[in-house]
Amino acid sequence: MVGERVLLKVSPMKGVIQFEKKGKLSPRFIGPFEVLQRIGEVAYKLALPPSLPSVHLIFHVSMLRKYVGDPSHVLDFSTVQLDGDLTYDVEPMAILGRHVRKLRSKDIASVKVQWRDQPIEEATWETKREMRSRYPHLFETPVTVYLCIISQSLLVSC
């Protein structure tokens, strides 16, 4: 109804392209935004802030969710750079696991990737080769330096 507040669905996009498609993660909601006007049977015009100038103001009801005062499920839109099609890019944060799938003639190495602003439960399996080529910083192993304290020719601690 006009005057109510709703959440708007946005989709994070993974940077990995497999089979010539950009992968999607589960959608998130931003907002709340006020409903200004009902357009037809299933569309609504929203009051969007000036920080979202490239986004159209009219949305289908499937893109909206009624706002219930729970801030835990709301994604703050001020920190996210939204595209015109209501998507934003997500970068990988960490590699959680590794796995090698054995086929008849080859082995496929996979890594479990946790994406930024996504919970661990939504980590996805990606090919190691593709992730290494796009995000080499995730595969760099830190060099551990051991310092030994030597006192009067005796090894005290190491």
N, C-alpha and C. Protein backbone atom coordinates (compact mmCIF):
# COMPACT_ATOMS: atom_id res chain seq x y z
N MET A 1 0.83 -1.18 0.00
CA MET A 1 0.00 0.00 0.00
C MET A 1 0.88 1.25 0.00
N VAL A 2 0.33 2.33 -0.47
CA VAL A 2 1.06 3.59 -0.51
C VAL A 2 1.37 4.05 0.91
N GLY A 3 2.61 4.48 1.13
CA GLY A 3 3.03 4.94 2.45
C GLY A 3 3.75 3.89 3.25
N GLU A 4 3.60 2.61 2.93
CA GLU A 4 4.31 1.55 3.65
C GLU A 4 5.77 1.53 3.22
N ARG A 5 6.57 0.83 3.99
CA ARG A 5 8.00 0.71 3.68
C ARG A 5 8.28 -0.71 3.23
N VAL A 6 9.13 -0.84 2.20
CA VAL A 6 9.46 -2.15 1.65
C VAL A 6 10.97 -2.26 1.48
N LEU A 7 11.43 -3.51 1.37
CA LEU A 7 12.82 -3.80 1.06
C LEU A 7 12.93 -4.14 -0.42
N LEU A 8 14.05 -3.81 -1.03
CA LEU A 8 14.27 -4.03 -2.45
C LEU A 8 15.33 -5.12 -2.63
N LYS A 9 15.05 -6.09 -3.50
CA LYS A 9 15.94 -7.22 -3.72
C LYS A 9 17.08 -6.83 -4.66
N VAL A 10 18.33 -7.12 -4.24
CA VAL A 10 19.50 -6.94 -5.09
C VAL A 10 20.26 -8.26 -5.12
N SER A 11 21.01 -8.50 -6.18
CA SER A 11 21.74 -9.75 -6.34
C SER A 11 23.23 -9.50 -6.40
N PRO A 12 24.00 -10.12 -5.50
CA PRO A 12 25.46 -10.03 -5.62
C PRO A 12 25.93 -10.93 -6.76
N MET A 13 26.93 -10.49 -7.51
CA MET A 13 27.46 -11.26 -8.63
C MET A 13 28.89 -11.67 -8.31
N LYS A 14 29.17 -12.97 -8.49
CA LYS A 14 30.54 -13.45 -8.32
C LYS A 14 31.37 -13.00 -9.50
N GLY A 15 32.64 -12.84 -9.29
CA GLY A 15 33.52 -12.44 -10.37
C GLY A 15 33.96 -13.59 -11.25
N VAL A 16 33.56 -14.81 -10.94
CA VAL A 16 34.00 -15.97 -11.71
C VAL A 16 32.99 -16.25 -12.81
N ILE A 17 33.48 -16.41 -14.02
CA ILE A 17 32.59 -16.69 -15.14
C ILE A 17 32.79 -18.15 -15.53
N GLN A 18 31.75 -18.95 -15.43
CA GLN A 18 31.79 -20.34 -15.86
C GLN A 18 30.70 -20.54 -16.90
N PHE A 19 31.02 -21.21 -17.96
CA PHE A 19 30.08 -21.48 -19.04
C PHE A 19 29.48 -20.20 -19.58
N GLU A 20 30.29 -19.15 -19.66
CA GLU A 20 29.93 -17.85 -20.20
C GLU A 20 28.77 -17.19 -19.46
N LYS A 21 28.57 -17.50 -18.20
CA LYS A 21 27.56 -16.86 -17.37
C LYS A 21 28.22 -16.35 -16.12
N LYS A 22 27.79 -15.22 -15.67
CA LYS A 22 28.26 -14.72 -14.39
C LYS A 22 27.44 -15.37 -13.29
N GLY A 23 28.09 -15.92 -12.30
CA GLY A 23 27.37 -16.62 -11.25
C GLY A 23 26.73 -15.69 -10.25
N LYS A 24 25.59 -16.08 -9.75
CA LYS A 24 24.90 -15.29 -8.74
C LYS A 24 24.95 -16.00 -7.40
N LEU A 25 24.98 -15.22 -6.37
CA LEU A 25 24.83 -15.74 -5.02
C LEU A 25 23.40 -15.45 -4.59
N SER A 26 23.03 -15.85 -3.41
CA SER A 26 21.66 -15.64 -2.99
C SER A 26 21.36 -14.15 -2.86
N PRO A 27 20.14 -13.73 -3.21
CA PRO A 27 19.82 -12.30 -3.20
C PRO A 27 19.77 -11.72 -1.79
N ARG A 28 20.01 -10.45 -1.71
CA ARG A 28 19.94 -9.70 -0.47
C ARG A 28 18.92 -8.58 -0.65
N PHE A 29 18.55 -7.97 0.45
CA PHE A 29 17.58 -6.89 0.41
C PHE A 29 18.19 -5.63 0.98
N ILE A 30 17.90 -4.50 0.33
CA ILE A 30 18.36 -3.21 0.83
C ILE A 30 17.14 -2.38 1.15
N GLY A 31 17.34 -1.38 1.95
CA GLY A 31 16.21 -0.52 2.26
C GLY A 31 16.15 -0.24 3.74
N PRO A 32 15.03 0.14 4.23
CA PRO A 32 13.69 0.19 3.64
C PRO A 32 13.46 1.48 2.84
N PHE A 33 12.56 1.37 1.86
CA PHE A 33 12.17 2.49 1.03
C PHE A 33 10.66 2.65 1.11
N GLU A 34 10.20 3.88 0.97
CA GLU A 34 8.76 4.17 1.05
C GLU A 34 8.10 3.97 -0.31
N VAL A 35 6.90 3.38 -0.29
CA VAL A 35 6.11 3.21 -1.51
C VAL A 35 5.39 4.53 -1.79
N LEU A 36 5.65 5.11 -2.98
CA LEU A 36 5.04 6.38 -3.34
C LEU A 36 3.71 6.21 -4.08
N GLN A 37 3.66 5.19 -4.95
CA GLN A 37 2.49 5.06 -5.80
C GLN A 37 2.37 3.62 -6.29
N ARG A 38 1.13 3.16 -6.46
CA ARG A 38 0.88 1.85 -7.06
C ARG A 38 0.66 2.05 -8.55
N ILE A 39 1.38 1.30 -9.36
CA ILE A 39 1.28 1.39 -10.81
C ILE A 39 0.69 0.08 -11.32
N GLY A 40 -0.53 0.09 -11.74
CA GLY A 40 -1.17 -1.14 -12.23
C GLY A 40 -1.44 -2.12 -11.11
N GLU A 41 -1.48 -3.40 -11.48
CA GLU A 41 -1.80 -4.45 -10.50
C GLU A 41 -0.59 -4.92 -9.69
N VAL A 42 0.59 -4.95 -10.34
CA VAL A 42 1.73 -5.60 -9.70
C VAL A 42 3.01 -4.75 -9.67
N ALA A 43 2.92 -3.46 -9.83
CA ALA A 43 4.10 -2.61 -9.83
C ALA A 43 3.93 -1.45 -8.85
N TYR A 44 5.06 -1.02 -8.31
CA TYR A 44 5.06 0.06 -7.33
C TYR A 44 6.20 1.03 -7.63
N LYS A 45 5.95 2.30 -7.35
CA LYS A 45 6.98 3.33 -7.48
C LYS A 45 7.52 3.60 -6.09
N LEU A 46 8.87 3.57 -5.96
CA LEU A 46 9.51 3.74 -4.66
C LEU A 46 10.24 5.07 -4.58
N ALA A 47 10.42 5.54 -3.37
CA ALA A 47 11.21 6.74 -3.10
C ALA A 47 12.64 6.30 -2.83
N LEU A 48 13.48 6.33 -3.88
CA LEU A 48 14.87 5.93 -3.74
C LEU A 48 15.73 7.16 -3.45
N PRO A 49 16.83 6.98 -2.72
CA PRO A 49 17.70 8.12 -2.39
C PRO A 49 18.48 8.59 -3.62
N PRO A 50 19.02 9.80 -3.58
CA PRO A 50 19.81 10.33 -4.71
C PRO A 50 21.08 9.55 -4.97
N SER A 51 21.52 8.72 -4.02
CA SER A 51 22.74 7.92 -4.24
C SER A 51 22.51 6.78 -5.22
N LEU A 52 21.27 6.52 -5.62
CA LEU A 52 20.95 5.48 -6.60
C LEU A 52 20.33 6.12 -7.85
N PRO A 53 21.08 6.97 -8.57
CA PRO A 53 20.47 7.69 -9.69
C PRO A 53 20.20 6.83 -10.92
N SER A 54 20.96 5.75 -11.11
CA SER A 54 20.80 4.95 -12.33
C SER A 54 19.74 3.86 -12.20
N VAL A 55 19.12 3.75 -11.04
CA VAL A 55 18.12 2.71 -10.81
C VAL A 55 16.73 3.27 -11.10
N HIS A 56 15.96 2.52 -11.86
CA HIS A 56 14.59 2.93 -12.20
C HIS A 56 13.74 2.92 -10.94
N LEU A 57 12.73 3.77 -10.85
CA LEU A 57 11.94 3.92 -9.62
C LEU A 57 10.78 2.94 -9.51
N ILE A 58 10.40 2.27 -10.61
CA ILE A 58 9.23 1.38 -10.61
C ILE A 58 9.69 -0.07 -10.58
N PHE A 59 9.09 -0.85 -9.66
CA PHE A 59 9.52 -2.23 -9.46
C PHE A 59 8.32 -3.17 -9.43
N HIS A 60 8.54 -4.38 -9.94
CA HIS A 60 7.53 -5.44 -9.86
C HIS A 60 7.45 -5.91 -8.41
N VAL A 61 6.31 -6.41 -8.03
CA VAL A 61 6.08 -6.84 -6.66
C VAL A 61 7.04 -7.98 -6.27
N SER A 62 7.54 -8.76 -7.24
CA SER A 62 8.47 -9.85 -6.93
C SER A 62 9.83 -9.33 -6.46
N MET A 63 10.15 -8.08 -6.74
CA MET A 63 11.41 -7.48 -6.31
C MET A 63 11.31 -6.85 -4.92
N LEU A 64 10.13 -6.86 -4.33
CA LEU A 64 9.90 -6.17 -3.07
C LEU A 64 9.55 -7.16 -1.96
N ARG A 65 9.84 -6.75 -0.75
CA ARG A 65 9.45 -7.52 0.43
C ARG A 65 8.99 -6.53 1.47
N LYS A 66 7.90 -6.85 2.14
CA LYS A 66 7.37 -5.95 3.16
C LYS A 66 8.41 -5.79 4.26
N TYR A 67 8.56 -4.56 4.71
CA TYR A 67 9.56 -4.25 5.74
C TYR A 67 9.02 -4.58 7.12
N VAL A 68 9.76 -5.42 7.82
CA VAL A 68 9.49 -5.73 9.22
C VAL A 68 10.70 -5.24 9.98
N GLY A 69 10.52 -4.49 11.02
CA GLY A 69 11.61 -3.81 11.72
C GLY A 69 12.71 -4.68 12.28
N ASP A 70 13.42 -5.44 11.43
CA ASP A 70 14.54 -6.28 11.85
C ASP A 70 15.77 -5.88 11.04
N PRO A 71 16.71 -5.13 11.61
CA PRO A 71 17.85 -4.64 10.83
C PRO A 71 18.87 -5.70 10.45
N SER A 72 18.77 -6.93 10.95
CA SER A 72 19.78 -7.93 10.65
C SER A 72 19.74 -8.42 9.20
N HIS A 73 18.60 -8.33 8.53
CA HIS A 73 18.51 -8.84 7.16
C HIS A 73 18.59 -7.74 6.11
N VAL A 74 18.95 -6.56 6.52
CA VAL A 74 19.00 -5.43 5.59
C VAL A 74 20.45 -5.16 5.21
N LEU A 75 20.73 -5.03 3.93
CA LEU A 75 22.05 -4.67 3.44
C LEU A 75 22.09 -3.18 3.25
N ASP A 76 23.07 -2.53 3.84
CA ASP A 76 23.17 -1.08 3.73
C ASP A 76 23.59 -0.70 2.32
N PHE A 77 22.75 0.01 1.60
CA PHE A 77 23.02 0.32 0.20
C PHE A 77 24.06 1.41 0.03
N SER A 78 24.37 2.14 1.08
CA SER A 78 25.34 3.23 0.94
C SER A 78 26.76 2.70 0.74
N THR A 79 27.07 1.48 1.17
CA THR A 79 28.40 0.92 1.01
C THR A 79 28.51 0.05 -0.24
N VAL A 80 27.42 -0.18 -0.96
CA VAL A 80 27.41 -1.07 -2.12
C VAL A 80 27.23 -0.24 -3.38
N GLN A 81 28.05 -0.50 -4.39
CA GLN A 81 27.92 0.17 -5.68
C GLN A 81 27.00 -0.66 -6.55
N LEU A 82 25.73 -0.27 -6.67
CA LEU A 82 24.76 -1.02 -7.44
C LEU A 82 24.84 -0.65 -8.91
N ASP A 83 24.70 -1.68 -9.78
CA ASP A 83 24.60 -1.45 -11.21
C ASP A 83 23.16 -1.12 -11.55
N GLY A 84 22.91 -0.77 -12.81
CA GLY A 84 21.56 -0.43 -13.24
C GLY A 84 20.59 -1.59 -13.15
N ASP A 85 21.10 -2.83 -13.20
CA ASP A 85 20.22 -4.00 -13.11
C ASP A 85 20.15 -4.55 -11.69
N LEU A 86 20.45 -3.70 -10.71
CA LEU A 86 20.38 -4.04 -9.27
C LEU A 86 21.28 -5.21 -8.90
N THR A 87 22.50 -5.22 -9.41
CA THR A 87 23.51 -6.20 -9.03
C THR A 87 24.74 -5.45 -8.53
N TYR A 88 25.56 -6.14 -7.77
CA TYR A 88 26.83 -5.58 -7.34
C TYR A 88 27.85 -6.70 -7.30
N ASP A 89 29.13 -6.35 -7.49
CA ASP A 89 30.20 -7.34 -7.53
C ASP A 89 30.63 -7.73 -6.13
N VAL A 90 30.94 -9.01 -5.98
CA VAL A 90 31.38 -9.54 -4.70
C VAL A 90 32.78 -10.12 -4.90
N GLU A 91 33.69 -9.79 -4.02
CA GLU A 91 35.05 -10.29 -4.07
C GLU A 91 35.21 -11.45 -3.09
N PRO A 92 36.09 -12.40 -3.40
CA PRO A 92 36.34 -13.49 -2.45
C PRO A 92 37.16 -13.01 -1.27
N MET A 93 36.86 -13.58 -0.11
CA MET A 93 37.56 -13.19 1.11
C MET A 93 38.61 -14.21 1.51
N ALA A 94 38.23 -15.49 1.48
CA ALA A 94 39.13 -16.53 1.95
C ALA A 94 38.80 -17.86 1.29
N ILE A 95 39.78 -18.74 1.32
CA ILE A 95 39.58 -20.10 0.84
C ILE A 95 39.39 -20.99 2.07
N LEU A 96 38.24 -21.65 2.13
CA LEU A 96 37.89 -22.44 3.31
C LEU A 96 38.26 -23.91 3.19
N GLY A 97 38.36 -24.42 1.98
CA GLY A 97 38.66 -25.83 1.81
C GLY A 97 39.13 -26.13 0.40
N ARG A 98 39.70 -27.33 0.24
CA ARG A 98 40.19 -27.77 -1.06
C ARG A 98 39.70 -29.19 -1.31
N HIS A 99 39.48 -29.50 -2.59
CA HIS A 99 38.97 -30.82 -2.94
C HIS A 99 39.40 -31.14 -4.37
N VAL A 100 39.72 -32.40 -4.63
CA VAL A 100 40.07 -32.82 -5.98
C VAL A 100 39.04 -33.85 -6.42
N ARG A 101 38.33 -33.53 -7.50
CA ARG A 101 37.37 -34.48 -8.07
C ARG A 101 38.07 -35.31 -9.13
N LYS A 102 37.95 -36.62 -9.02
CA LYS A 102 38.61 -37.50 -9.96
C LYS A 102 37.61 -37.97 -11.01
N LEU A 103 37.92 -37.67 -12.26
CA LEU A 103 37.16 -38.17 -13.38
C LEU A 103 37.95 -39.30 -14.01
N ARG A 104 37.44 -39.89 -15.07
CA ARG A 104 38.16 -41.01 -15.68
C ARG A 104 39.52 -40.61 -16.21
N SER A 105 39.60 -39.48 -16.87
CA SER A 105 40.86 -39.12 -17.52
C SER A 105 41.58 -37.94 -16.89
N LYS A 106 40.96 -37.25 -15.94
CA LYS A 106 41.63 -36.10 -15.35
C LYS A 106 41.13 -35.82 -13.95
N ASP A 107 41.88 -34.99 -13.26
CA ASP A 107 41.53 -34.55 -11.91
C ASP A 107 41.18 -33.06 -11.98
N ILE A 108 40.12 -32.66 -11.27
CA ILE A 108 39.71 -31.26 -11.23
C ILE A 108 39.85 -30.77 -9.80
N ALA A 109 40.75 -29.81 -9.61
CA ALA A 109 40.98 -29.25 -8.28
C ALA A 109 39.97 -28.12 -8.04
N SER A 110 39.33 -28.16 -6.89
CA SER A 110 38.35 -27.14 -6.52
C SER A 110 38.71 -26.55 -5.17
N VAL A 111 38.27 -25.32 -4.95
CA VAL A 111 38.45 -24.66 -3.67
C VAL A 111 37.11 -24.12 -3.21
N LYS A 112 36.88 -24.14 -1.91
CA LYS A 112 35.66 -23.59 -1.34
C LYS A 112 35.94 -22.15 -0.95
N VAL A 113 35.17 -21.21 -1.55
CA VAL A 113 35.46 -19.79 -1.42
C VAL A 113 34.38 -19.11 -0.59
N GLN A 114 34.81 -18.33 0.39
CA GLN A 114 33.88 -17.48 1.13
C GLN A 114 33.93 -16.10 0.48
N TRP A 115 32.75 -15.60 0.11
CA TRP A 115 32.64 -14.31 -0.56
C TRP A 115 32.39 -13.21 0.44
N ARG A 116 32.88 -12.01 0.14
CA ARG A 116 32.73 -10.85 1.02
C ARG A 116 31.24 -10.55 1.24
N ASP A 117 30.88 -10.22 2.45
CA ASP A 117 29.51 -9.89 2.87
C ASP A 117 28.57 -11.09 2.75
N GLN A 118 29.10 -12.31 2.74
CA GLN A 118 28.29 -13.52 2.69
C GLN A 118 28.66 -14.39 3.88
N PRO A 119 27.69 -15.06 4.49
CA PRO A 119 28.02 -15.96 5.60
C PRO A 119 28.76 -17.20 5.11
N ILE A 120 29.41 -17.89 6.00
CA ILE A 120 30.19 -19.09 5.66
C ILE A 120 29.29 -20.16 5.05
N GLU A 121 28.04 -20.22 5.47
CA GLU A 121 27.12 -21.24 4.94
C GLU A 121 26.90 -21.07 3.43
N GLU A 122 27.13 -19.89 2.90
CA GLU A 122 26.90 -19.64 1.48
C GLU A 122 28.20 -19.67 0.66
N ALA A 123 29.25 -20.26 1.22
CA ALA A 123 30.50 -20.43 0.48
C ALA A 123 30.25 -21.38 -0.69
N THR A 124 30.94 -21.16 -1.81
CA THR A 124 30.72 -21.96 -3.01
C THR A 124 32.00 -22.65 -3.44
N TRP A 125 31.86 -23.77 -4.16
CA TRP A 125 33.00 -24.48 -4.72
C TRP A 125 33.28 -23.93 -6.10
N GLU A 126 34.53 -23.51 -6.33
CA GLU A 126 34.97 -22.96 -7.61
C GLU A 126 36.21 -23.71 -8.06
N THR A 127 36.49 -23.69 -9.36
CA THR A 127 37.69 -24.36 -9.85
C THR A 127 38.93 -23.59 -9.40
N LYS A 128 39.92 -24.36 -8.97
CA LYS A 128 41.14 -23.75 -8.45
C LYS A 128 41.87 -22.97 -9.54
N ARG A 129 41.87 -23.48 -10.75
CA ARG A 129 42.58 -22.83 -11.85
C ARG A 129 41.98 -21.44 -12.13
N GLU A 130 40.66 -21.36 -12.18
CA GLU A 130 40.00 -20.08 -12.45
C GLU A 130 40.22 -19.09 -11.31
N MET A 131 40.10 -19.55 -10.08
CA MET A 131 40.29 -18.67 -8.93
C MET A 131 41.74 -18.19 -8.83
N ARG A 132 42.70 -19.07 -9.13
CA ARG A 132 44.11 -18.68 -9.07
C ARG A 132 44.43 -17.64 -10.14
N SER A 133 43.81 -17.75 -11.31
CA SER A 133 44.09 -16.78 -12.37
C SER A 133 43.46 -15.42 -12.07
N ARG A 134 42.29 -15.41 -11.46
CA ARG A 134 41.61 -14.14 -11.19
C ARG A 134 42.02 -13.51 -9.86
N TYR A 135 42.29 -14.34 -8.85
CA TYR A 135 42.60 -13.84 -7.52
C TYR A 135 43.85 -14.53 -6.97
N PRO A 136 45.05 -14.21 -7.50
CA PRO A 136 46.27 -14.90 -7.04
C PRO A 136 46.63 -14.60 -5.58
N HIS A 137 46.16 -13.48 -5.05
CA HIS A 137 46.50 -13.13 -3.67
C HIS A 137 45.91 -14.12 -2.66
N LEU A 138 44.87 -14.85 -3.04
CA LEU A 138 44.29 -15.84 -2.12
C LEU A 138 45.17 -17.07 -1.95
N PHE A 139 46.08 -17.29 -2.92
CA PHE A 139 46.89 -18.50 -2.90
C PHE A 139 48.31 -18.27 -2.42
N GLU A 140 48.63 -17.04 -2.07
CA GLU A 140 49.96 -16.75 -1.55
C GLU A 140 50.04 -17.26 -0.13
N THR A 141 51.06 -18.05 0.15
CA THR A 141 51.24 -18.56 1.50
C THR A 141 52.17 -17.63 2.26
N PRO A 142 51.78 -17.21 3.44
CA PRO A 142 52.65 -16.32 4.20
C PRO A 142 53.90 -17.06 4.68
N VAL A 143 55.02 -16.40 4.61
CA VAL A 143 56.28 -16.99 5.05
C VAL A 143 56.39 -16.82 6.55
N THR A 144 56.58 -17.93 7.23
CA THR A 144 56.71 -17.90 8.68
C THR A 144 58.19 -17.73 9.02
N VAL A 145 58.48 -16.75 9.81
CA VAL A 145 59.85 -16.47 10.20
C VAL A 145 60.00 -16.87 11.67
N TYR A 146 60.98 -17.75 11.90
CA TYR A 146 61.26 -18.17 13.27
C TYR A 146 62.49 -17.42 13.77
N LEU A 147 62.35 -16.76 14.89
CA LEU A 147 63.46 -16.04 15.49
C LEU A 147 63.94 -16.82 16.71
N CYS A 148 65.22 -17.00 16.76
CA CYS A 148 65.81 -17.70 17.90
C CYS A 148 66.64 -16.71 18.71
N ILE A 149 66.52 -16.82 20.00
CA ILE A 149 67.29 -15.96 20.88
C ILE A 149 68.50 -16.74 21.37
N ILE A 150 69.66 -16.21 21.06
CA ILE A 150 70.89 -16.89 21.46
C ILE A 150 71.56 -16.03 22.53
N SER A 151 71.83 -16.67 23.65
CA SER A 151 72.47 -15.96 24.75
C SER A 151 73.70 -16.75 25.18
N GLN A 152 74.85 -16.18 25.07
CA GLN A 152 76.12 -16.75 25.47
C GLN A 152 76.31 -18.15 24.85
N SER A 153 76.11 -18.23 23.54
CA SER A 153 76.30 -19.45 22.76
C SER A 153 75.34 -20.56 23.12
N LEU A 154 74.31 -20.28 23.89
CA LEU A 154 73.31 -21.29 24.22
C LEU A 154 72.01 -20.92 23.56
N LEU A 155 71.33 -21.90 23.07
CA LEU A 155 70.03 -21.67 22.45
C LEU A 155 68.98 -21.60 23.56
N VAL A 156 68.48 -20.41 23.78
CA VAL A 156 67.53 -20.20 24.88
C VAL A 156 66.12 -20.58 24.44
N SER A 157 65.63 -19.96 23.36
CA SER A 157 64.29 -20.29 22.88
C SER A 157 64.25 -20.11 21.37
N CYS A 158 63.36 -20.85 20.79
CA CYS A 158 63.24 -20.79 19.34
C CYS A 158 61.80 -20.98 18.94
